Structure formats: structure tokens, C-alpha cells
Amino acid sequence: MHNFTPEDLLLYLYNETSPAQTAQIKAALETDWSLREKFEVITSAQKRLEALKMTPSQQTIENILSYAEKAVAELTPQA
């Protein structure tokens, strides 16, 4: 039996696992109550997060854009 990590379950929740891994996790969830309990906690957290109406502050947006500009400048060859 494979030991799935919370990251594996999160990828499964968002349909980002391979078909083979999806089948393995699905089978494990049907037989392993502990894994199913962990998955239910993750699913519950996802639902609570989706219910929140959050938007980033303007300062946060500006910080992200500034960081992205610096990263692009570092990767762009200087003439």
C-alpha cells in the first residue's frame, strides 16, 4: 500500500494527478479510513477557503508586480 502525502491528496482534489495516481488514490480512499479522514479535512478546508470573499490589497499587488519586473529584468540579456 502506498503512503499518500497531503500534497498528493491536494493534487488529487484539484485533478492534477496522473490517471494512474488518480486510480491509486481513489482505491486507497475507498479502503483506508485514515486517508479518507485526511482527505475530508482537506476538502472541508477547500470549501471554507472558497467561501471567503478575499481580495489582495493594492500594496500586495504592487509588490508582486515589482518582484516580477525585477525577475524579468534579471533574466533579460543586457545589450
PDB file of N, CA and C in Angstrom:
ATOM      1  N   MET A   1       0.844  -1.185   0.000  1.00  0.00           N
ATOM      2  CA  MET A   1       0.000   0.000   0.000  1.00  0.00           C
ATOM      3  C   MET A   1       0.885   1.242   0.000  1.00  0.00           C
ATOM      4  N   HIS A   2       0.498   2.225  -0.763  1.00  0.00           N
ATOM      5  CA  HIS A   2       1.254   3.462  -0.900  1.00  0.00           C
ATOM      6  C   HIS A   2       0.850   4.446   0.188  1.00  0.00           C
ATOM      7  N   ASN A   3       1.834   5.165   0.712  1.00  0.00           N
ATOM      8  CA  ASN A   3       1.536   6.208   1.693  1.00  0.00           C
ATOM      9  C   ASN A   3       1.412   7.532   0.954  1.00  0.00           C
ATOM     10  N   PHE A   4       0.210   8.030   0.852  1.00  0.00           N
ATOM     11  CA  PHE A   4      -0.033   9.286   0.157  1.00  0.00           C
ATOM     12  C   PHE A   4       0.164  10.457   1.116  1.00  0.00           C
ATOM     13  N   THR A   5       0.796  11.503   0.612  1.00  0.00           N
ATOM     14  CA  THR A   5       1.045  12.701   1.403  1.00  0.00           C
ATOM     15  C   THR A   5      -0.139  13.655   1.271  1.00  0.00           C
ATOM     16  N   PRO A   6      -0.208  14.637   2.154  1.00  0.00           N
ATOM     17  CA  PRO A   6      -1.247  15.659   1.986  1.00  0.00           C
ATOM     18  C   PRO A   6      -1.128  16.356   0.621  1.00  0.00           C
ATOM     19  N   GLU A   7       0.085  16.504   0.140  1.00  0.00           N
ATOM     20  CA  GLU A   7       0.278  17.123  -1.175  1.00  0.00           C
ATOM     21  C   GLU A   7      -0.340  16.264  -2.276  1.00  0.00           C
ATOM     22  N   ASP A   8      -0.195  14.945  -2.155  1.00  0.00           N
ATOM     23  CA  ASP A   8      -0.819  14.036  -3.123  1.00  0.00           C
ATOM     24  C   ASP A   8      -2.335  14.203  -3.106  1.00  0.00           C
ATOM     25  N   LEU A   9      -2.889  14.294  -1.914  1.00  0.00           N
ATOM     26  CA  LEU A   9      -4.342  14.445  -1.795  1.00  0.00           C
ATOM     27  C   LEU A   9      -4.808  15.784  -2.352  1.00  0.00           C
ATOM     28  N   LEU A  10      -4.014  16.804  -2.154  1.00  0.00           N
ATOM     29  CA  LEU A  10      -4.356  18.122  -2.690  1.00  0.00           C
ATOM     30  C   LEU A  10      -4.330  18.105  -4.215  1.00  0.00           C
ATOM     31  N   LEU A  11      -3.316  17.477  -4.786  1.00  0.00           N
ATOM     32  CA  LEU A  11      -3.254  17.348  -6.247  1.00  0.00           C
ATOM     33  C   LEU A  11      -4.459  16.560  -6.761  1.00  0.00           C
ATOM     34  N   TYR A  12      -4.822  15.504  -6.053  1.00  0.00           N
ATOM     35  CA  TYR A  12      -5.992  14.704  -6.426  1.00  0.00           C
ATOM     36  C   TYR A  12      -7.261  15.547  -6.373  1.00  0.00           C
ATOM     37  N   LEU A  13      -7.407  16.331  -5.315  1.00  0.00           N
ATOM     38  CA  LEU A  13      -8.585  17.178  -5.145  1.00  0.00           C
ATOM     39  C   LEU A  13      -8.753  18.139  -6.320  1.00  0.00           C
ATOM     40  N   TYR A  14      -7.639  18.679  -6.812  1.00  0.00           N
ATOM     41  CA  TYR A  14      -7.691  19.644  -7.908  1.00  0.00           C
ATOM     42  C   TYR A  14      -7.469  18.992  -9.279  1.00  0.00           C
ATOM     43  N   ASN A  15      -7.619  17.665  -9.334  1.00  0.00           N
ATOM     44  CA  ASN A  15      -7.498  16.907 -10.600  1.00  0.00           C
ATOM     45  C   ASN A  15      -6.173  17.159 -11.303  1.00  0.00           C
ATOM     46  N   GLU A  16      -5.093  17.156 -10.528  1.00  0.00           N
ATOM     47  CA  GLU A  16      -3.771  17.389 -11.090  1.00  0.00           C
ATOM     48  C   GLU A  16      -2.870  16.167 -10.957  1.00  0.00           C
ATOM     49  N   THR A  17      -3.462  15.018 -10.725  1.00  0.00           N
ATOM     50  CA  THR A  17      -2.697  13.778 -10.653  1.00  0.00           C
ATOM     51  C   THR A  17      -2.798  13.050 -11.990  1.00  0.00           C
ATOM     52  N   SER A  18      -1.831  12.181 -12.232  1.00  0.00           N
ATOM     53  CA  SER A  18      -1.869  11.368 -13.454  1.00  0.00           C
ATOM     54  C   SER A  18      -3.030  10.388 -13.346  1.00  0.00           C
ATOM     55  N   PRO A  19      -3.470   9.833 -14.476  1.00  0.00           N
ATOM     56  CA  PRO A  19      -4.560   8.848 -14.407  1.00  0.00           C
ATOM     57  C   PRO A  19      -4.229   7.664 -13.493  1.00  0.00           C
ATOM     58  N   ALA A  20      -2.973   7.207 -13.530  1.00  0.00           N
ATOM     59  CA  ALA A  20      -2.581   6.071 -12.686  1.00  0.00           C
ATOM     60  C   ALA A  20      -2.627   6.457 -11.208  1.00  0.00           C
ATOM     61  N   GLN A  21      -2.101   7.631 -10.888  1.00  0.00           N
ATOM     62  CA  GLN A  21      -2.114   8.057  -9.493  1.00  0.00           C
ATOM     63  C   GLN A  21      -3.534   8.340  -9.018  1.00  0.00           C
ATOM     64  N   THR A  22      -4.360   8.890  -9.889  1.00  0.00           N
ATOM     65  CA  THR A  22      -5.763   9.131  -9.545  1.00  0.00           C
ATOM     66  C   THR A  22      -6.443   7.818  -9.171  1.00  0.00           C
ATOM     67  N   ALA A  23      -6.212   6.788  -9.961  1.00  0.00           N
ATOM     68  CA  ALA A  23      -6.814   5.479  -9.677  1.00  0.00           C
ATOM     69  C   ALA A  23      -6.309   4.917  -8.354  1.00  0.00           C
ATOM     70  N   GLN A  24      -5.010   5.070  -8.083  1.00  0.00           N
ATOM     71  CA  GLN A  24      -4.445   4.566  -6.827  1.00  0.00           C
ATOM     72  C   GLN A  24      -5.035   5.293  -5.626  1.00  0.00           C
ATOM     73  N   ILE A  25      -5.132   6.607  -5.714  1.00  0.00           N
ATOM     74  CA  ILE A  25      -5.661   7.385  -4.593  1.00  0.00           C
ATOM     75  C   ILE A  25      -7.136   7.062  -4.394  1.00  0.00           C
ATOM     76  N   LYS A  26      -7.877   6.969  -5.483  1.00  0.00           N
ATOM     77  CA  LYS A  26      -9.302   6.654  -5.381  1.00  0.00           C
ATOM     78  C   LYS A  26      -9.511   5.301  -4.708  1.00  0.00           C
ATOM     79  N   ALA A  27      -8.724   4.310  -5.093  1.00  0.00           N
ATOM     80  CA  ALA A  27      -8.831   2.980  -4.488  1.00  0.00           C
ATOM     81  C   ALA A  27      -8.454   3.029  -3.009  1.00  0.00           C
ATOM     82  N   ALA A  28      -7.413   3.783  -2.696  1.00  0.00           N
ATOM     83  CA  ALA A  28      -6.977   3.885  -1.303  1.00  0.00           C
ATOM     84  C   ALA A  28      -8.028   4.583  -0.450  1.00  0.00           C
ATOM     85  N   LEU A  29      -8.685   5.602  -1.004  1.00  0.00           N
ATOM     86  CA  LEU A  29      -9.718   6.322  -0.255  1.00  0.00           C
ATOM     87  C   LEU A  29     -10.910   5.422   0.060  1.00  0.00           C
ATOM     88  N   GLU A  30     -11.152   4.436  -0.786  1.00  0.00           N
ATOM     89  CA  GLU A  30     -12.280   3.526  -0.563  1.00  0.00           C
ATOM     90  C   GLU A  30     -12.002   2.515   0.548  1.00  0.00           C
ATOM     91  N   THR A  31     -10.715   2.256   0.818  1.00  0.00           N
ATOM     92  CA  THR A  31     -10.381   1.209   1.790  1.00  0.00           C
ATOM     93  C   THR A  31      -9.684   1.715   3.046  1.00  0.00           C
ATOM     94  N   ASP A  32      -9.063   2.870   2.987  1.00  0.00           N
ATOM     95  CA  ASP A  32      -8.263   3.381   4.103  1.00  0.00           C
ATOM     96  C   ASP A  32      -9.005   4.524   4.798  1.00  0.00           C
ATOM     97  N   TRP A  33      -9.616   4.228   5.955  1.00  0.00           N
ATOM     98  CA  TRP A  33     -10.417   5.245   6.636  1.00  0.00           C
ATOM     99  C   TRP A  33      -9.575   6.420   7.109  1.00  0.00           C
ATOM    100  N   SER A  34      -8.327   6.169   7.481  1.00  0.00           N
ATOM    101  CA  SER A  34      -7.450   7.251   7.942  1.00  0.00           C
ATOM    102  C   SER A  34      -7.147   8.225   6.802  1.00  0.00           C
ATOM    103  N   LEU A  35      -6.861   7.682   5.637  1.00  0.00           N
ATOM    104  CA  LEU A  35      -6.602   8.519   4.462  1.00  0.00           C
ATOM    105  C   LEU A  35      -7.861   9.286   4.077  1.00  0.00           C
ATOM    106  N   ARG A  36      -9.009   8.608   4.136  1.00  0.00           N
ATOM    107  CA  ARG A  36     -10.275   9.251   3.799  1.00  0.00           C
ATOM    108  C   ARG A  36     -10.562  10.406   4.772  1.00  0.00           C
ATOM    109  N   GLU A  37     -10.226  10.217   6.031  1.00  0.00           N
ATOM    110  CA  GLU A  37     -10.420  11.262   7.032  1.00  0.00           C
ATOM    111  C   GLU A  37      -9.531  12.478   6.718  1.00  0.00           C
ATOM    112  N   LYS A  38      -8.283  12.226   6.346  1.00  0.00           N
ATOM    113  CA  LYS A  38      -7.374  13.308   5.975  1.00  0.00           C
ATOM    114  C   LYS A  38      -7.895  14.047   4.744  1.00  0.00           C
ATOM    115  N   PHE A  39      -8.401  13.285   3.781  1.00  0.00           N
ATOM    116  CA  PHE A  39      -8.928  13.895   2.561  1.00  0.00           C
ATOM    117  C   PHE A  39     -10.157  14.754   2.876  1.00  0.00           C
ATOM    118  N   GLU A  40     -10.985  14.293   3.787  1.00  0.00           N
ATOM    119  CA  GLU A  40     -12.168  15.068   4.176  1.00  0.00           C
ATOM    120  C   GLU A  40     -11.774  16.382   4.850  1.00  0.00           C
ATOM    121  N   VAL A  41     -10.697  16.372   5.619  1.00  0.00           N
ATOM    122  CA  VAL A  41     -10.205  17.605   6.244  1.00  0.00           C
ATOM    123  C   VAL A  41      -9.752  18.587   5.161  1.00  0.00           C
ATOM    124  N   ILE A  42      -9.034  18.077   4.176  1.00  0.00           N
ATOM    125  CA  ILE A  42      -8.557  18.933   3.081  1.00  0.00           C
ATOM    126  C   ILE A  42      -9.734  19.464   2.271  1.00  0.00           C
ATOM    127  N   THR A  43     -10.701  18.618   1.989  1.00  0.00           N
ATOM    128  CA  THR A  43     -11.885  19.031   1.237  1.00  0.00           C
ATOM    129  C   THR A  43     -12.672  20.088   1.997  1.00  0.00           C
ATOM    130  N   SER A  44     -12.802  19.894   3.299  1.00  0.00           N
ATOM    131  CA  SER A  44     -13.509  20.865   4.129  1.00  0.00           C
ATOM    132  C   SER A  44     -12.790  22.215   4.124  1.00  0.00           C
ATOM    133  N   ALA A  45     -11.478  22.181   4.219  1.00  0.00           N
ATOM    134  CA  ALA A  45     -10.699  23.421   4.195  1.00  0.00           C
ATOM    135  C   ALA A  45     -10.860  24.130   2.856  1.00  0.00           C
ATOM    136  N   GLN A  46     -10.870  23.365   1.769  1.00  0.00           N
ATOM    137  CA  GLN A  46     -11.053  23.952   0.440  1.00  0.00           C
ATOM    138  C   GLN A  46     -12.398  24.672   0.361  1.00  0.00           C
ATOM    139  N   LYS A  47     -13.433  24.051   0.861  1.00  0.00           N
ATOM    140  CA  LYS A  47     -14.766  24.658   0.821  1.00  0.00           C
ATOM    141  C   LYS A  47     -14.824  25.943   1.646  1.00  0.00           C
ATOM    142  N   ARG A  48     -14.180  25.926   2.816  1.00  0.00           N
ATOM    143  CA  ARG A  48     -14.154  27.132   3.648  1.00  0.00           C
ATOM    144  C   ARG A  48     -13.376  28.252   2.965  1.00  0.00           C
ATOM    145  N   LEU A  49     -12.261  27.919   2.318  1.00  0.00           N
ATOM    146  CA  LEU A  49     -11.477  28.934   1.619  1.00  0.00           C
ATOM    147  C   LEU A  49     -12.240  29.527   0.445  1.00  0.00           C
ATOM    148  N   GLU A  50     -12.957  28.677  -0.291  1.00  0.00           N
ATOM    149  CA  GLU A  50     -13.728  29.161  -1.429  1.00  0.00           C
ATOM    150  C   GLU A  50     -14.859  30.085  -0.984  1.00  0.00           C
ATOM    151  N   ALA A  51     -15.354  29.886   0.232  1.00  0.00           N
ATOM    152  CA  ALA A  51     -16.458  30.703   0.732  1.00  0.00           C
ATOM    153  C   ALA A  51     -16.003  32.107   1.132  1.00  0.00           C
ATOM    154  N   LEU A  52     -14.717  32.262   1.384  1.00  0.00           N
ATOM    155  CA  LEU A  52     -14.196  33.577   1.767  1.00  0.00           C
ATOM    156  C   LEU A  52     -14.143  34.494   0.550  1.00  0.00           C
ATOM    157  N   LYS A  53     -14.571  35.703   0.737  1.00  0.00           N
ATOM    158  CA  LYS A  53     -14.516  36.697  -0.335  1.00  0.00           C
ATOM    159  C   LYS A  53     -13.323  37.605  -0.046  1.00  0.00           C
ATOM    160  N   MET A  54     -12.169  37.206  -0.533  1.00  0.00           N
ATOM    161  CA  MET A  54     -10.954  37.947  -0.227  1.00  0.00           C
ATOM    162  C   MET A  54     -10.348  38.527  -1.501  1.00  0.00           C
ATOM    163  N   THR A  55      -9.813  39.716  -1.369  1.00  0.00           N
ATOM    164  CA  THR A  55      -9.064  40.327  -2.466  1.00  0.00           C
ATOM    165  C   THR A  55      -7.783  40.903  -1.880  1.00  0.00           C
ATOM    166  N   PRO A  56      -6.694  40.823  -2.624  1.00  0.00           N
ATOM    167  CA  PRO A  56      -5.433  41.350  -2.098  1.00  0.00           C
ATOM    168  C   PRO A  56      -5.466  42.874  -2.054  1.00  0.00           C
ATOM    169  N   SER A  57      -4.671  43.437  -1.152  1.00  0.00           N
ATOM    170  CA  SER A  57      -4.579  44.896  -1.073  1.00  0.00           C
ATOM    171  C   SER A  57      -3.805  45.418  -2.279  1.00  0.00           C
ATOM    172  N   GLN A  58      -3.968  46.692  -2.565  1.00  0.00           N
ATOM    173  CA  GLN A  58      -3.248  47.304  -3.679  1.00  0.00           C
ATOM    174  C   GLN A  58      -1.744  47.199  -3.453  1.00  0.00           C
ATOM    175  N   GLN A  59      -1.295  47.339  -2.215  1.00  0.00           N
ATOM    176  CA  GLN A  59       0.137  47.232  -1.898  1.00  0.00           C
ATOM    177  C   GLN A  59       0.657  45.830  -2.225  1.00  0.00           C
ATOM    178  N   THR A  60      -0.119  44.819  -1.930  1.00  0.00           N
ATOM    179  CA  THR A  60       0.285  43.455  -2.244  1.00  0.00           C
ATOM    180  C   THR A  60       0.425  43.269  -3.752  1.00  0.00           C
ATOM    181  N   ILE A  61      -0.529  43.769  -4.505  1.00  0.00           N
ATOM    182  CA  ILE A  61      -0.470  43.674  -5.967  1.00  0.00           C
ATOM    183  C   ILE A  61       0.766  44.389  -6.495  1.00  0.00           C
ATOM    184  N   GLU A  62       1.035  45.578  -5.976  1.00  0.00           N
ATOM    185  CA  GLU A  62       2.210  46.337  -6.417  1.00  0.00           C
ATOM    186  C   GLU A  62       3.506  45.605  -6.075  1.00  0.00           C
ATOM    187  N   ASN A  63       3.566  44.988  -4.913  1.00  0.00           N
ATOM    188  CA  ASN A  63       4.761  44.218  -4.533  1.00  0.00           C
ATOM    189  C   ASN A  63       4.989  43.040  -5.480  1.00  0.00           C
ATOM    190  N   ILE A  64       3.926  42.354  -5.832  1.00  0.00           N
ATOM    191  CA  ILE A  64       4.045  41.214  -6.749  1.00  0.00           C
ATOM    192  C   ILE A  64       4.513  41.687  -8.118  1.00  0.00           C
ATOM    193  N   LEU A  65       3.922  42.747  -8.628  1.00  0.00           N
ATOM    194  CA  LEU A  65       4.321  43.270  -9.936  1.00  0.00           C
ATOM    195  C   LEU A  65       5.768  43.760  -9.920  1.00  0.00           C
ATOM    196  N   SER A  66       6.177  44.395  -8.849  1.00  0.00           N
ATOM    197  CA  SER A  66       7.553  44.870  -8.726  1.00  0.00           C
ATOM    198  C   SER A  66       8.523  43.696  -8.720  1.00  0.00           C
ATOM    199  N   TYR A  67       8.183  42.669  -7.973  1.00  0.00           N
ATOM    200  CA  TYR A  67       9.018  41.474  -7.920  1.00  0.00           C
ATOM    201  C   TYR A  67       9.120  40.825  -9.299  1.00  0.00           C
ATOM    202  N   ALA A  68       8.003  40.744  -9.996  1.00  0.00           N
ATOM    203  CA  ALA A  68       8.001  40.150 -11.339  1.00  0.00           C
ATOM    204  C   ALA A  68       8.853  40.974 -12.300  1.00  0.00           C
ATOM    205  N   GLU A  69       8.770  42.283 -12.216  1.00  0.00           N
ATOM    206  CA  GLU A  69       9.579  43.144 -13.086  1.00  0.00           C
ATOM    207  C   GLU A  69      11.069  42.924 -12.836  1.00  0.00           C
ATOM    208  N   LYS A  70      11.454  42.811 -11.575  1.00  0.00           N
ATOM    209  CA  LYS A  70      12.861  42.572 -11.235  1.00  0.00           C
ATOM    210  C   LYS A  70      13.317  41.216 -11.773  1.00  0.00           C
ATOM    211  N   ALA A  71      12.480  40.215 -11.637  1.00  0.00           N
ATOM    212  CA  ALA A  71      12.835  38.879 -12.116  1.00  0.00           C
ATOM    213  C   ALA A  71      13.006  38.868 -13.624  1.00  0.00           C
ATOM    214  N   VAL A  72      12.120  39.549 -14.331  1.00  0.00           N
ATOM    215  CA  VAL A  72      12.221  39.619 -15.793  1.00  0.00           C
ATOM    216  C   VAL A  72      13.486  40.377 -16.182  1.00  0.00           C
ATOM    217  N   ALA A  73      13.784  41.455 -15.489  1.00  0.00           N
ATOM    218  CA  ALA A  73      14.980  42.251 -15.793  1.00  0.00           C
ATOM    219  C   ALA A  73      16.242  41.421 -15.587  1.00  0.00           C
ATOM    220  N   GLU A  74      16.262  40.579 -14.555  1.00  0.00           N
ATOM    221  CA  GLU A  74      17.423  39.716 -14.299  1.00  0.00           C
ATOM    222  C   GLU A  74      17.583  38.664 -15.378  1.00  0.00           C
ATOM    223  N   LEU A  75      16.507  38.216 -15.964  1.00  0.00           N
ATOM    224  CA  LEU A  75      16.564  37.164 -16.979  1.00  0.00           C
ATOM    225  C   LEU A  75      16.771  37.712 -18.390  1.00  0.00           C
ATOM    226  N   THR A  76      16.524  39.003 -18.581  1.00  0.00           N
ATOM    227  CA  THR A  76      16.657  39.604 -19.892  1.00  0.00           C
ATOM    228  C   THR A  76      18.116  39.990 -20.136  1.00  0.00           C
ATOM    229  N   PRO A  77      18.701  39.510 -21.256  1.00  0.00           N
ATOM    230  CA  PRO A  77      20.095  39.863 -21.558  1.00  0.00           C
ATOM    231  C   PRO A  77      20.239  41.367 -21.791  1.00  0.00           C
ATOM    232  N   GLN A  78      21.272  41.920 -21.216  1.00  0.00           N
ATOM    233  CA  GLN A  78      21.524  43.350 -21.370  1.00  0.00           C
ATOM    234  C   GLN A  78      22.332  43.583 -22.649  1.00  0.00           C
ATOM    235  N   ALA A  79      21.948  44.596 -23.435  1.00  0.00           N
ATOM    236  CA  ALA A  79      22.630  44.878 -24.704  1.00  0.00           C
ATOM    237  C   ALA A  79      23.826  45.759 -24.487  1.00  0.00           C
TER     238      ALA A  79
END
